[in-house]
Amino acid sequence: MLILDEKTMEELAAPERIIPAVERAFRILGSGGYSMPARFSCESEGLTALYMPCFTPEHFGTKALTLAPGNRALGLPSLDGVMLLNDRKTGRVCALMDAKPLTAWRTGATGALGARLLLEVKASTINVIR
């Protein structure tokens, strides 16, 4: 099993490939090329757990995240989690990855794609409201 921590993922990531990869994933989803059931969530005493499965013909993955807003006061990230990648035929675990960079990359790439696809071609600026 391949284990990728946050530092290794950051070292291996090619930022110029992330947006095109997310765009391909959205196109595959739109064509029905994989199955992504609704995420499951549960909450207890201010801690939220999210489980997000996805199935392709070759693999299935599950991203498990915890949202702990109180962590900010402790100097810790409010989001943490892992991504588990399994072989679709055997169920064998192929990889375990830190989900923080995956989540950040996907979120950023989705915003970039939305801006690119929805903005007028002649737009020269964009405002982001947070």
Protein backbone atom coordinates (compact mmCIF):
# COMPACT_ATOMS: atom_id res chain seq x y z
CA MET A 1 0.00 0.00 0.00
CA LEU A 2 1.24 3.46 -0.91
CA ILE A 3 1.05 5.98 1.94
CA LEU A 4 1.25 9.66 1.03
CA ASP A 5 1.47 12.27 3.76
CA GLU A 6 0.79 15.96 3.18
CA LYS A 7 4.46 16.86 2.66
CA THR A 8 4.98 14.13 0.05
CA MET A 9 1.79 15.05 -1.77
CA GLU A 10 2.83 18.71 -1.91
CA GLU A 11 6.24 17.67 -3.30
CA LEU A 12 4.69 15.41 -5.96
CA ALA A 13 1.86 17.72 -7.02
CA ALA A 14 2.14 19.50 -10.32
CA PRO A 15 -0.10 22.57 -9.91
CA GLU A 16 -0.46 23.04 -13.66
CA ARG A 17 -2.03 19.57 -13.87
CA ILE A 18 -4.59 19.95 -11.08
CA ILE A 19 -7.18 22.14 -12.84
CA PRO A 20 -7.18 20.00 -16.03
CA ALA A 21 -7.49 16.83 -13.90
CA VAL A 22 -10.48 18.21 -12.00
CA GLU A 23 -12.05 19.35 -15.27
CA ARG A 24 -11.63 15.81 -16.69
CA ALA A 25 -13.21 14.38 -13.54
CA PHE A 26 -16.26 16.65 -13.91
CA ARG A 27 -16.61 15.64 -17.57
CA ILE A 28 -16.40 11.94 -16.65
CA LEU A 29 -19.02 12.44 -13.92
CA GLY A 30 -21.26 14.27 -16.38
CA SER A 31 -20.99 11.40 -18.87
CA GLY A 32 -21.91 8.83 -16.22
CA GLY A 33 -18.39 7.37 -16.25
CA TYR A 34 -18.33 6.87 -12.49
CA SER A 35 -20.65 6.77 -9.55
CA MET A 36 -20.49 9.25 -6.71
CA PRO A 37 -23.17 8.62 -4.09
CA ALA A 38 -24.25 11.44 -1.81
CA ARG A 39 -21.85 12.05 1.02
CA PHE A 40 -22.75 10.81 4.45
CA SER A 41 -22.30 13.13 7.40
CA CYS A 42 -22.86 12.99 11.12
CA GLU A 43 -22.28 15.48 13.91
CA SER A 44 -21.57 15.11 17.59
CA GLU A 45 -20.65 17.84 20.06
CA GLY A 46 -19.32 20.25 17.46
CA LEU A 47 -17.35 17.65 15.49
CA THR A 48 -18.63 16.72 12.03
CA ALA A 49 -17.57 13.58 10.17
CA LEU A 50 -18.00 13.39 6.39
CA TYR A 51 -17.66 10.25 4.27
CA MET A 52 -17.54 10.62 0.50
CA PRO A 53 -17.38 7.48 -1.64
CA CYS A 54 -16.73 7.33 -5.38
CA PHE A 55 -16.63 4.33 -7.71
CA THR A 56 -14.87 3.95 -11.07
CA PRO A 57 -14.50 0.75 -13.10
CA GLU A 58 -10.95 0.26 -11.75
CA HIS A 59 -10.99 1.74 -8.24
CA PHE A 60 -13.16 3.05 -5.50
CA GLY A 61 -12.19 5.74 -3.09
CA THR A 62 -13.53 7.10 0.13
CA LYS A 63 -12.58 10.48 1.50
CA ALA A 64 -13.19 10.71 5.24
CA LEU A 65 -13.00 14.19 6.71
CA THR A 66 -13.46 15.66 10.14
CA LEU A 67 -14.52 19.25 10.63
CA ALA A 68 -13.59 20.61 14.04
CA PRO A 69 -14.06 24.41 14.09
CA GLY A 70 -12.80 24.57 17.69
CA ASN A 71 -9.37 23.49 16.49
CA ARG A 72 -8.62 27.02 15.30
CA ALA A 73 -8.35 28.16 18.93
CA LEU A 74 -5.83 25.35 19.48
CA GLY A 75 -3.71 26.36 16.49
CA LEU A 76 -4.77 23.22 14.59
CA PRO A 77 -6.46 22.87 11.21
CA SER A 78 -10.25 22.76 11.41
CA LEU A 79 -10.28 20.21 8.58
CA ASP A 80 -8.47 16.88 8.67
CA GLY A 81 -8.91 13.51 7.04
CA VAL A 82 -7.73 10.75 4.76
CA MET A 83 -8.45 9.43 1.29
CA LEU A 84 -8.52 5.67 0.95
CA LEU A 85 -8.15 4.22 -2.55
CA ASN A 86 -9.13 0.58 -3.15
CA ASP A 87 -8.97 -1.84 -6.08
CA ARG A 88 -12.53 -2.19 -7.43
CA LYS A 89 -12.30 -5.93 -8.13
CA THR A 90 -10.48 -7.16 -5.02
CA GLY A 91 -11.10 -4.41 -2.45
CA ARG A 92 -7.35 -4.32 -1.77
CA VAL A 93 -6.17 -1.02 -0.34
CA CYS A 94 -3.96 0.66 -2.95
CA ALA A 95 -3.23 3.98 -1.25
CA LEU A 96 -3.83 6.02 1.86
CA MET A 97 -3.45 9.77 1.37
CA ASP A 98 -3.75 12.90 3.47
CA ALA A 99 -7.05 14.48 2.40
CA LYS A 100 -6.18 18.07 3.33
CA PRO A 101 -4.23 18.87 0.16
CA LEU A 102 -6.68 16.92 -2.01
CA THR A 103 -9.58 18.90 -0.61
CA ALA A 104 -7.80 22.23 -1.01
CA TRP A 105 -6.70 21.44 -4.57
CA ARG A 106 -10.15 20.29 -5.63
CA THR A 107 -11.83 23.33 -4.07
CA GLY A 108 -9.40 25.74 -5.70
CA ALA A 109 -9.59 24.04 -9.08
CA THR A 110 -13.40 24.04 -8.98
CA GLY A 111 -13.42 27.78 -8.34
CA ALA A 112 -10.91 28.38 -11.14
CA LEU A 113 -12.97 26.29 -13.54
CA GLY A 114 -16.15 28.12 -12.59
CA ALA A 115 -14.49 31.47 -13.17
CA ARG A 116 -13.06 30.37 -16.52
CA LEU A 117 -16.31 28.88 -17.78
CA LEU A 118 -18.73 31.52 -16.48
CA LEU A 119 -16.87 34.80 -16.96
CA GLU A 120 -17.23 36.85 -20.07
CA VAL A 121 -14.27 36.38 -22.38
CA LYS A 122 -13.44 40.08 -22.27
CA ALA A 123 -13.43 40.31 -18.45
CA SER A 124 -10.12 41.56 -17.09
CA THR A 125 -10.83 41.41 -13.36
CA ILE A 126 -12.74 39.24 -10.90
CA ASN A 127 -14.00 39.99 -7.39
CA VAL A 128 -14.05 37.29 -4.76
CA ILE A 129 -16.43 37.76 -1.84
CA ARG A 130 -15.55 35.79 1.21
